[in-house]
C-alpha atoms as a PDB file:
ATOM      1  CA  MET A   1     -12.824 -62.220 -51.535  1.00  0.00           C
ATOM      2  CA  LYS A   2     -16.300 -60.733 -51.969  1.00  0.00           C
ATOM      3  CA  LYS A   3     -16.629 -59.895 -48.369  1.00  0.00           C
ATOM      4  CA  LEU A   4     -13.254 -57.971 -48.616  1.00  0.00           C
ATOM      5  CA  VAL A   5     -14.363 -55.936 -51.611  1.00  0.00           C
ATOM      6  CA  SER A   6     -17.731 -55.215 -49.893  1.00  0.00           C
ATOM      7  CA  GLY A   7     -15.885 -54.022 -46.802  1.00  0.00           C
ATOM      8  CA  VAL A   8     -13.701 -51.767 -48.816  1.00  0.00           C
ATOM      9  CA  LEU A   9     -16.578 -50.391 -50.680  1.00  0.00           C
ATOM     10  CA  MET A  10     -18.433 -49.579 -47.474  1.00  0.00           C
ATOM     11  CA  VAL A  11     -15.388 -47.934 -45.871  1.00  0.00           C
ATOM     12  CA  SER A  12     -15.134 -45.734 -48.993  1.00  0.00           C
ATOM     13  CA  VAL A  13     -18.635 -44.656 -49.080  1.00  0.00           C
ATOM     14  CA  LEU A  14     -18.605 -43.839 -45.296  1.00  0.00           C
ATOM     15  CA  SER A  15     -15.296 -41.789 -45.765  1.00  0.00           C
ATOM     16  CA  GLY A  16     -16.878 -39.911 -48.676  1.00  0.00           C
ATOM     17  CA  PHE A  17     -19.917 -39.103 -46.730  1.00  0.00           C
ATOM     18  CA  LEU A  18     -17.932 -37.841 -43.685  1.00  0.00           C
ATOM     19  CA  LEU A  19     -15.678 -35.698 -45.965  1.00  0.00           C
ATOM     20  CA  MET A  20     -18.815 -34.213 -47.571  1.00  0.00           C
ATOM     21  CA  LEU A  21     -20.127 -33.165 -44.297  1.00  0.00           C
ATOM     22  CA  PHE A  22     -16.759 -31.720 -43.204  1.00  0.00           C
ATOM     23  CA  THR A  23     -16.386 -29.837 -46.463  1.00  0.00           C
ATOM     24  CA  ARG A  24     -19.833 -28.425 -46.140  1.00  0.00           C
ATOM     25  CA  SER A  25     -19.094 -27.228 -42.569  1.00  0.00           C
ATOM     26  CA  VAL A  26     -15.850 -25.658 -43.675  1.00  0.00           C
ATOM     27  CA  ASP A  27     -17.523 -24.032 -46.640  1.00  0.00           C
ATOM     28  CA  ALA A  28     -20.299 -22.752 -44.402  1.00  0.00           C
ATOM     29  CA  GLU A  29     -17.733 -21.040 -41.988  1.00  0.00           C
ATOM     30  CA  THR A  30     -15.768 -19.773 -44.861  1.00  0.00           C
ATOM     31  CA  ALA A  31     -19.016 -18.308 -46.340  1.00  0.00           C
ATOM     32  CA  ILE A  32     -19.681 -16.285 -43.263  1.00  0.00           C
ATOM     33  CA  ALA A  33     -18.232 -12.881 -44.249  1.00  0.00           C
ATOM     34  CA  ASN A  34     -19.669 -10.635 -41.756  1.00  0.00           C
ATOM     35  CA  VAL A  35     -20.604 -10.899 -37.996  1.00  0.00           C
ATOM     36  CA  THR A  36     -23.023  -8.544 -36.230  1.00  0.00           C
ATOM     37  CA  MET A  37     -22.012  -7.474 -32.798  1.00  0.00           C
ATOM     38  CA  ILE A  38     -24.614  -5.954 -30.450  1.00  0.00           C
ATOM     39  CA  ILE A  39     -23.235  -3.997 -27.583  1.00  0.00           C
ATOM     40  CA  HIS A  40     -25.322  -3.970 -24.494  1.00  0.00           C
ATOM     41  CA  GLU A  41     -24.397  -1.173 -21.806  1.00  0.00           C
ATOM     42  CA  ASP A  42     -27.589  -1.803 -19.888  1.00  0.00           C
ATOM     43  CA  GLU A  43     -25.959  -2.776 -16.517  1.00  0.00           C
ATOM     44  CA  SER A  44     -28.831  -2.790 -14.028  1.00  0.00           C
ATOM     45  CA  ASP A  45     -27.217  -0.261 -11.708  1.00  0.00           C
ATOM     46  CA  SER A  46     -28.773   2.773 -10.069  1.00  0.00           C
ATOM     47  CA  GLU A  47     -25.926   4.869 -10.884  1.00  0.00           C
ATOM     48  CA  GLN A  48     -26.217   4.130 -14.643  1.00  0.00           C
ATOM     49  CA  THR A  49     -29.009   6.668 -15.165  1.00  0.00           C
ATOM     50  CA  THR A  50     -27.943   7.795 -18.799  1.00  0.00           C
ATOM     51  CA  MET A  51     -27.625   4.847 -21.141  1.00  0.00           C
ATOM     52  CA  GLY A  52     -28.151   6.757 -24.442  1.00  0.00           C
ATOM     53  CA  GLY A  53     -25.813   9.046 -26.231  1.00  0.00           C
ATOM     54  CA  ARG A  54     -22.422   7.292 -25.392  1.00  0.00           C
ATOM     55  CA  LEU A  55     -19.796   7.126 -28.150  1.00  0.00           C
ATOM     56  CA  VAL A  56     -18.608   3.539 -28.565  1.00  0.00           C
ATOM     57  CA  GLY A  57     -15.512   2.665 -30.699  1.00  0.00           C
ATOM     58  CA  LEU A  58     -14.624  -0.654 -32.417  1.00  0.00           C
ATOM     59  CA  TYR A  59     -10.877  -1.360 -33.001  1.00  0.00           C
ATOM     60  CA  ASP A  60      -9.256  -3.928 -35.122  1.00  0.00           C
ATOM     61  CA  ILE A  61      -6.442  -5.444 -33.039  1.00  0.00           C
ATOM     62  CA  THR A  62      -5.866  -8.728 -35.061  1.00  0.00           C
ATOM     63  CA  SER A  63      -2.273  -7.722 -35.977  1.00  0.00           C
ATOM     64  CA  ILE A  64      -1.543  -6.963 -32.269  1.00  0.00           C
ATOM     65  CA  TYR A  65      -3.159 -10.426 -31.359  1.00  0.00           C
ATOM     66  CA  LEU A  66      -1.110 -12.373 -33.977  1.00  0.00           C
ATOM     67  CA  GLU A  67       2.243 -10.731 -32.983  1.00  0.00           C
ATOM     68  CA  ALA A  68       1.565 -11.433 -29.243  1.00  0.00           C
ATOM     69  CA  LYS A  69       0.560 -15.140 -30.178  1.00  0.00           C
ATOM     70  CA  GLN A  70       4.190 -15.924 -31.386  1.00  0.00           C
ATOM     71  CA  ALA A  71       5.292 -15.874 -27.895  1.00  0.00           C
ATOM     72  CA  SER A  72       5.936 -19.293 -26.251  1.00  0.00           C
ATOM     73  CA  ASP A  73       4.124 -18.357 -23.069  1.00  0.00           C
ATOM     74  CA  PHE A  74       1.128 -16.746 -24.952  1.00  0.00           C
ATOM     75  CA  ASP A  75      -2.125 -16.830 -22.992  1.00  0.00           C
ATOM     76  CA  GLU A  76      -5.389 -15.678 -24.628  1.00  0.00           C
ATOM     77  CA  LYS A  77      -7.266 -14.868 -21.597  1.00  0.00           C
ATOM     78  CA  LYS A  78      -4.385 -12.732 -20.164  1.00  0.00           C
ATOM     79  CA  PHE A  79      -4.036 -11.048 -23.670  1.00  0.00           C
ATOM     80  CA  SER A  80      -7.735  -9.952 -23.277  1.00  0.00           C
ATOM     81  CA  GLU A  81      -7.430  -8.901 -19.681  1.00  0.00           C
ATOM     82  CA  THR A  82      -4.343  -6.976 -20.351  1.00  0.00           C
ATOM     83  CA  TRP A  83      -5.577  -4.939 -23.332  1.00  0.00           C
ATOM     84  CA  SER A  84      -8.949  -4.342 -21.571  1.00  0.00           C
ATOM     85  CA  ASP A  85      -7.162  -2.811 -18.588  1.00  0.00           C
ATOM     86  CA  LYS A  86      -4.802  -0.847 -20.766  1.00  0.00           C
ATOM     87  CA  THR A  87      -7.415   0.814 -22.915  1.00  0.00           C
ATOM     88  CA  LEU A  88      -9.861   1.627 -20.044  1.00  0.00           C
ATOM     89  CA  HIS A  89      -8.713   5.315 -19.682  1.00  0.00           C
ATOM     90  CA  SER A  90      -6.663   5.719 -22.874  1.00  0.00           C
ATOM     91  CA  ASP A  91      -6.433   4.593 -26.549  1.00  0.00           C
ATOM     92  CA  GLU A  92      -2.753   4.616 -26.528  1.00  0.00           C
ATOM     93  CA  GLY A  93      -1.319   1.753 -28.597  1.00  0.00           C
ATOM     94  CA  LEU A  94      -4.546   1.235 -30.554  1.00  0.00           C
ATOM     95  CA  PRO A  95      -5.091   1.891 -34.185  1.00  0.00           C
ATOM     96  CA  ALA A  96      -7.730   4.375 -35.328  1.00  0.00           C
ATOM     97  CA  PRO A  97     -11.200   3.078 -34.722  1.00  0.00           C
ATOM     98  CA  LEU A  98     -12.602   0.867 -37.412  1.00  0.00           C
ATOM     99  CA  LYS A  99     -16.068   1.965 -36.676  1.00  0.00           C
ATOM    100  CA  THR A 100     -17.961   4.065 -34.143  1.00  0.00           C
ATOM    101  CA  ALA A 101     -21.594   4.062 -32.861  1.00  0.00           C
ATOM    102  CA  THR A 102     -23.737   5.916 -30.428  1.00  0.00           C
ATOM    103  CA  THR A 103     -25.774   4.023 -27.872  1.00  0.00           C
ATOM    104  CA  ASN A 104     -29.559   4.349 -28.043  1.00  0.00           C
ATOM    105  CA  SER A 105     -31.899   5.089 -25.099  1.00  0.00           C
ATOM    106  CA  GLU A 106     -31.592   1.447 -23.830  1.00  0.00           C
ATOM    107  CA  GLY A 107     -27.637   1.679 -23.918  1.00  0.00           C
ATOM    108  CA  GLU A 108     -27.111  -0.466 -27.115  1.00  0.00           C
ATOM    109  CA  CYS A 109     -25.413  -0.126 -30.344  1.00  0.00           C
ATOM    110  CA  GLU A 110     -24.633  -2.432 -33.260  1.00  0.00           C
ATOM    111  CA  PHE A 111     -21.498  -3.084 -35.339  1.00  0.00           C
ATOM    112  CA  VAL A 112     -21.314  -5.264 -38.649  1.00  0.00           C
ATOM    113  CA  VAL A 113     -17.740  -6.366 -39.168  1.00  0.00           C
ATOM    114  CA  PRO A 114     -15.814  -8.840 -41.176  1.00  0.00           C
ATOM    115  CA  MET A 115     -15.270 -12.262 -39.813  1.00  0.00           C
ATOM    116  CA  LYS A 116     -11.672 -12.142 -41.200  1.00  0.00           C
ATOM    117  CA  GLN A 117      -8.902  -9.565 -41.537  1.00  0.00           C
ATOM    118  CA  ASN A 118      -6.241 -10.290 -44.272  1.00  0.00           C
ATOM    119  CA  GLY A 119      -7.186 -13.869 -44.320  1.00  0.00           C
ATOM    120  CA  GLU A 120      -6.968 -14.284 -40.631  1.00  0.00           C
ATOM    121  CA  TYR A 121      -9.792 -14.631 -38.149  1.00  0.00           C
ATOM    122  CA  ALA A 122     -10.236 -11.102 -36.655  1.00  0.00           C
ATOM    123  CA  VAL A 123      -9.854  -9.872 -33.217  1.00  0.00           C
ATOM    124  CA  TYR A 124     -11.719  -6.639 -32.099  1.00  0.00           C
ATOM    125  CA  LEU A 125     -11.731  -4.439 -29.114  1.00  0.00           C
ATOM    126  CA  VAL A 126     -14.777  -2.544 -28.055  1.00  0.00           C
ATOM    127  CA  ARG A 127     -14.398   0.553 -25.765  1.00  0.00           C
ATOM    128  CA  GLU A 128     -16.537   3.478 -24.661  1.00  0.00           C
ATOM    129  CA  MET A 129     -14.757   6.614 -25.857  1.00  0.00           C
ATOM    130  CA  SER A 130     -16.336   9.037 -23.412  1.00  0.00           C
ATOM    131  CA  GLN A 131     -16.066   7.773 -19.997  1.00  0.00           C
ATOM    132  CA  ILE A 132     -18.060  10.391 -18.102  1.00  0.00           C
ATOM    133  CA  GLN A 133     -20.069   8.349 -15.616  1.00  0.00           C
ATOM    134  CA  SER A 134     -19.165   7.487 -12.029  1.00  0.00           C
ATOM    135  CA  LYS A 135     -18.493   3.822 -13.151  1.00  0.00           C
ATOM    136  CA  LYS A 136     -16.530   2.887 -16.249  1.00  0.00           C
ATOM    137  CA  VAL A 137     -17.315   0.479 -18.896  1.00  0.00           C
ATOM    138  CA  LEU A 138     -14.547  -2.049 -19.180  1.00  0.00           C
ATOM    139  CA  PRO A 139     -13.417  -2.495 -22.745  1.00  0.00           C
ATOM    140  CA  SER A 140     -14.154  -5.970 -24.321  1.00  0.00           C
ATOM    141  CA  VAL A 141     -11.813  -8.018 -26.521  1.00  0.00           C
ATOM    142  CA  ILE A 142     -13.797 -10.353 -28.951  1.00  0.00           C
ATOM    143  CA  ILE A 143     -11.669 -13.073 -30.650  1.00  0.00           C
ATOM    144  CA  LEU A 144     -13.507 -14.518 -33.712  1.00  0.00           C
ATOM    145  CA  PRO A 145     -14.806 -17.051 -34.402  1.00  0.00           C
ATOM    146  CA  VAL A 146     -17.234 -17.195 -31.428  1.00  0.00           C
ATOM    147  CA  ARG A 147     -19.057 -20.544 -31.211  1.00  0.00           C
ATOM    148  CA  SER A 148     -22.191 -21.529 -29.691  1.00  0.00           C
ATOM    149  CA  VAL A 149     -21.800 -23.516 -26.315  1.00  0.00           C
ATOM    150  CA  GLU A 150     -24.629 -25.848 -27.332  1.00  0.00           C
ATOM    151  CA  THR A 151     -24.043 -26.677 -30.932  1.00  0.00           C
ATOM    152  CA  ASN A 152     -20.440 -25.570 -31.408  1.00  0.00           C
ATOM    153  CA  GLU A 153     -21.529 -23.699 -34.604  1.00  0.00           C
ATOM    154  CA  VAL A 154     -19.986 -20.241 -35.539  1.00  0.00           C
ATOM    155  CA  LEU A 155     -22.248 -17.413 -34.477  1.00  0.00           C
ATOM    156  CA  THR A 156     -23.046 -14.668 -36.786  1.00  0.00           C
ATOM    157  CA  THR A 157     -24.698 -12.471 -34.190  1.00  0.00           C
ATOM    158  CA  ILE A 158     -22.877 -11.813 -30.958  1.00  0.00           C
ATOM    159  CA  ASP A 159     -24.113 -10.144 -27.986  1.00  0.00           C
ATOM    160  CA  VAL A 160     -21.443  -8.269 -26.048  1.00  0.00           C
ATOM    161  CA  TYR A 161     -22.109  -7.313 -22.263  1.00  0.00           C
ATOM    162  CA  PRO A 162     -19.250  -5.117 -21.122  1.00  0.00           C
ATOM    163  CA  LYS A 163     -18.590  -5.079 -17.335  1.00  0.00           C
ATOM    164  CA  TYR A 164     -18.761  -1.908 -15.173  1.00  0.00           C
ATOM    165  CA  ILE A 165     -15.987  -1.075 -12.619  1.00  0.00           C
ATOM    166  CA  ASP A 166     -15.070   1.746 -10.324  1.00  0.00           C
ATOM    167  CA  GLY A 167     -13.916   4.700 -12.154  1.00  0.00           C
ATOM    168  CA  LYS A 168     -10.887   5.529 -10.002  1.00  0.00           C
ATOM    169  CA  VAL A 169      -7.687   5.604 -11.861  1.00  0.00           C
ATOM    170  CA  SER A 170      -5.061   3.579 -10.090  1.00  0.00           C
ATOM    171  CA  GLU A 171      -1.816   5.565  -9.237  1.00  0.00           C
ATOM    172  CA  LYS A 172       1.468   4.312 -10.384  1.00  0.00           C
ATOM    173  CA  PRO A 173       3.121   2.465  -7.493  1.00  0.00           C
ATOM    174  CA  THR A 174       6.165   4.127  -5.986  1.00  0.00           C
ATOM    175  CA  THR A 175       9.206   2.524  -4.851  1.00  0.00           C
ATOM    176  CA  PRO A 176       8.892   2.230  -1.039  1.00  0.00           C
ATOM    177  CA  THR A 177      11.698   3.800   0.953  1.00  0.00           C
ATOM    178  CA  GLU A 178      12.956   2.459   4.127  1.00  0.00           C
ATOM    179  CA  PRO A 179      11.283   4.207   7.155  1.00  0.00           C
ATOM    180  CA  SER A 180      13.565   6.535   8.860  1.00  0.00           C
ATOM    181  CA  VAL A 181      14.147   5.997  12.631  1.00  0.00           C
ATOM    182  CA  PRO A 182      12.597   8.881  14.547  1.00  0.00           C
ATOM    183  CA  GLU A 183      14.685  11.039  16.697  1.00  0.00           C
ATOM    184  CA  GLU A 184      14.093  10.704  20.331  1.00  0.00           C
ATOM    185  CA  PRO A 185      12.120  13.859  21.669  1.00  0.00           C
ATOM    186  CA  TYR A 186      14.242  16.410  23.671  1.00  0.00           C
ATOM    187  CA  THR A 187      13.518  16.182  27.280  1.00  0.00           C
ATOM    188  CA  PRO A 188      14.618  19.458  29.180  1.00  0.00           C
ATOM    189  CA  THR A 189      16.526  18.656  32.321  1.00  0.00           C
ATOM    190  CA  GLU A 190      15.788  20.510  35.548  1.00  0.00           C
ATOM    191  CA  PRO A 191      18.500  23.164  36.196  1.00  0.00           C
ATOM    192  CA  SER A 192      20.893  21.928  38.867  1.00  0.00           C
ATOM    193  CA  VAL A 193      21.052  23.908  42.283  1.00  0.00           C
ATOM    194  CA  PRO A 194      24.482  25.457  42.642  1.00  0.00           C
ATOM    195  CA  GLU A 195      26.360  24.062  45.562  1.00  0.00           C
ATOM    196  CA  GLU A 196      26.994  26.595  48.444  1.00  0.00           C
ATOM    197  CA  PRO A 197      30.712  27.834  48.512  1.00  0.00           C
ATOM    198  CA  TYR A 198      32.820  25.845  50.846  1.00  0.00           C
ATOM    199  CA  THR A 199      33.609  27.772  54.061  1.00  0.00           C
ATOM    200  CA  PRO A 200      36.391  26.307  56.157  1.00  0.00           C
ATOM    201  CA  THR A 201      35.561  26.000  59.820  1.00  0.00           C
ATOM    202  CA  GLU A 202      38.047  26.618  62.470  1.00  0.00           C
ATOM    203  CA  THR A 203      39.291  23.607  64.155  1.00  0.00           C
ATOM    204  CA  THR A 204      40.850  23.295  67.563  1.00  0.00           C
ATOM    205  CA  SER A 205      44.087  21.501  67.338  1.00  0.00           C
ATOM    206  CA  THR A 206      44.785  19.074  70.164  1.00  0.00           C
ATOM    207  CA  GLU A 207      47.740  16.958  70.830  1.00  0.00           C
ATOM    208  CA  SER A 208      47.253  13.266  71.366  1.00  0.00           C
ATOM    209  CA  THR A 209      49.393  11.815  74.303  1.00  0.00           C
ATOM    210  CA  PRO A 210      49.314   8.491  75.749  1.00  0.00           C
ATOM    211  CA  PHE A 211      47.065  10.048  78.677  1.00  0.00           C
ATOM    212  CA  GLY A 212      44.497  11.431  76.276  1.00  0.00           C
ATOM    213  CA  LYS A 213      44.156  14.696  74.276  1.00  0.00           C
ATOM    214  CA  PHE A 214      45.428  17.995  75.804  1.00  0.00           C
ATOM    215  CA  PRO A 215      42.972  20.929  75.799  1.00  0.00           C
ATOM    216  CA  SER A 216      43.345  23.618  73.219  1.00  0.00           C
ATOM    217  CA  THR A 217      44.751  26.867  74.143  1.00  0.00           C
ATOM    218  CA  ASN A 218      41.430  28.651  74.241  1.00  0.00           C
ATOM    219  CA  GLU A 219      40.208  26.238  76.583  1.00  0.00           C
ATOM    220  CA  LEU A 220      43.196  26.711  78.716  1.00  0.00           C
ATOM    221  CA  LYS A 221      42.895  30.396  78.840  1.00  0.00           C
ATOM    222  CA  THR A 222      39.180  30.131  79.864  1.00  0.00           C
ATOM    223  CA  LYS A 223      40.025  27.614  82.750  1.00  0.00           C
ATOM    224  CA  ALA A 224      42.874  29.800  83.847  1.00  0.00           C
ATOM    225  CA  SER A 225      40.604  32.866  84.098  1.00  0.00           C
ATOM    226  CA  TRP A 226      38.044  30.950  86.170  1.00  0.00           C
ATOM    227  CA  ILE A 227      40.836  29.506  88.566  1.00  0.00           C
ATOM    228  CA  GLY A 228      42.390  33.046  88.903  1.00  0.00           C
ATOM    229  CA  ALA A 229      39.073  34.618  89.950  1.00  0.00           C
ATOM    230  CA  GLY A 230      38.471  31.656  92.311  1.00  0.00           C
ATOM    231  CA  ILE A 231      41.745  32.123  94.052  1.00  0.00           C
ATOM    232  CA  ILE A 232      41.156  35.921  94.399  1.00  0.00           C
ATOM    233  CA  LEU A 233      37.731  35.372  95.890  1.00  0.00           C
ATOM    234  CA  LEU A 234      39.182  32.807  98.288  1.00  0.00           C
ATOM    235  CA  ALA A 235      42.136  35.200  99.263  1.00  0.00           C
ATOM    236  CA  GLY A 236      39.622  37.965  99.850  1.00  0.00           C
ATOM    237  CA  ILE A 237      37.380  35.764 102.290  1.00  0.00           C
ATOM    238  CA  LEU A 238      40.606  34.639 104.016  1.00  0.00           C
ATOM    239  CA  ILE A 239      41.675  38.335 104.535  1.00  0.00           C
ATOM    240  CA  ILE A 240      38.331  39.380 105.892  1.00  0.00           C
ATOM    241  CA  ALA A 241      38.284  36.281 108.120  1.00  0.00           C
ATOM    242  CA  ARG A 242      41.804  37.127 109.490  1.00  0.00           C
ATOM    243  CA  LYS A 243      40.989  40.606 110.185  1.00  0.00           C
ATOM    244  CA  LYS A 244      37.775  39.545 112.202  1.00  0.00           C
ATOM    245  CA  GLN A 245      39.989  37.115 114.152  1.00  0.00           C
ATOM    246  CA  THR A 246      42.557  39.739 114.910  1.00  0.00           C
ATOM    247  CA  LYS A 247      39.967  42.239 116.189  1.00  0.00           C
ATOM    248  CA  GLY A 248      38.544  39.410 118.460  1.00  0.00           C
ATOM    249  CA  GLU A 249      41.937  38.736 120.098  1.00  0.00           C
ATOM    250  CA  ARG A 250      42.649  42.394 120.819  1.00  0.00           C
ATOM    251  CA  LYS A 251      39.458  42.783 122.718  1.00  0.00           C
END
């Protein structure tokens, strides 16, 4: 029985001690009213020649964050990236700046802001308000509280190092249209050479017989002329010869 009582007392003391440590830790976090943010725009880049005189704005986006957090598919990293990209070239959708500051010659400025807004841990967005350099300062989203990686304690001083990106503004993508089929190029054809008019040729008609083809009328006339001339020549020779013969008989 004594051992049981002793065990109960030991557990009670240990629980009280742990509760006290937890309470002190909670009280310490609750006691943190303000956080100091040091913005370092000191990117080691040869193009960043002018660090001083830049106007930087700090915006309270706690209500925007809490509203987005109600979604079932809420992703904290995606939320930060979306608002960082969205506010790079415009402050559209943002409330009025809670505070503004101008960077010094080393490209630094400082903000002291409340840890909570309306009883909720605050969420801030820091952006450069005059993007005049060739590379732009990407806005940063700071979700409080920020804890130390080594001790897990809530940090009261936060160093913010914004990223630089190419300053080109991305164009709104257009809906691609189906490529039109190019028309075939016109190829001139060589002019056709007109055909010579048809000239009918005279044909000699011949009649077919079992013995072959008869000659045409023209052919017959030609042959008859030659035969006639031959007969006359032969007759003349015979007459001359006959006269010579008659003269010889008379002698």
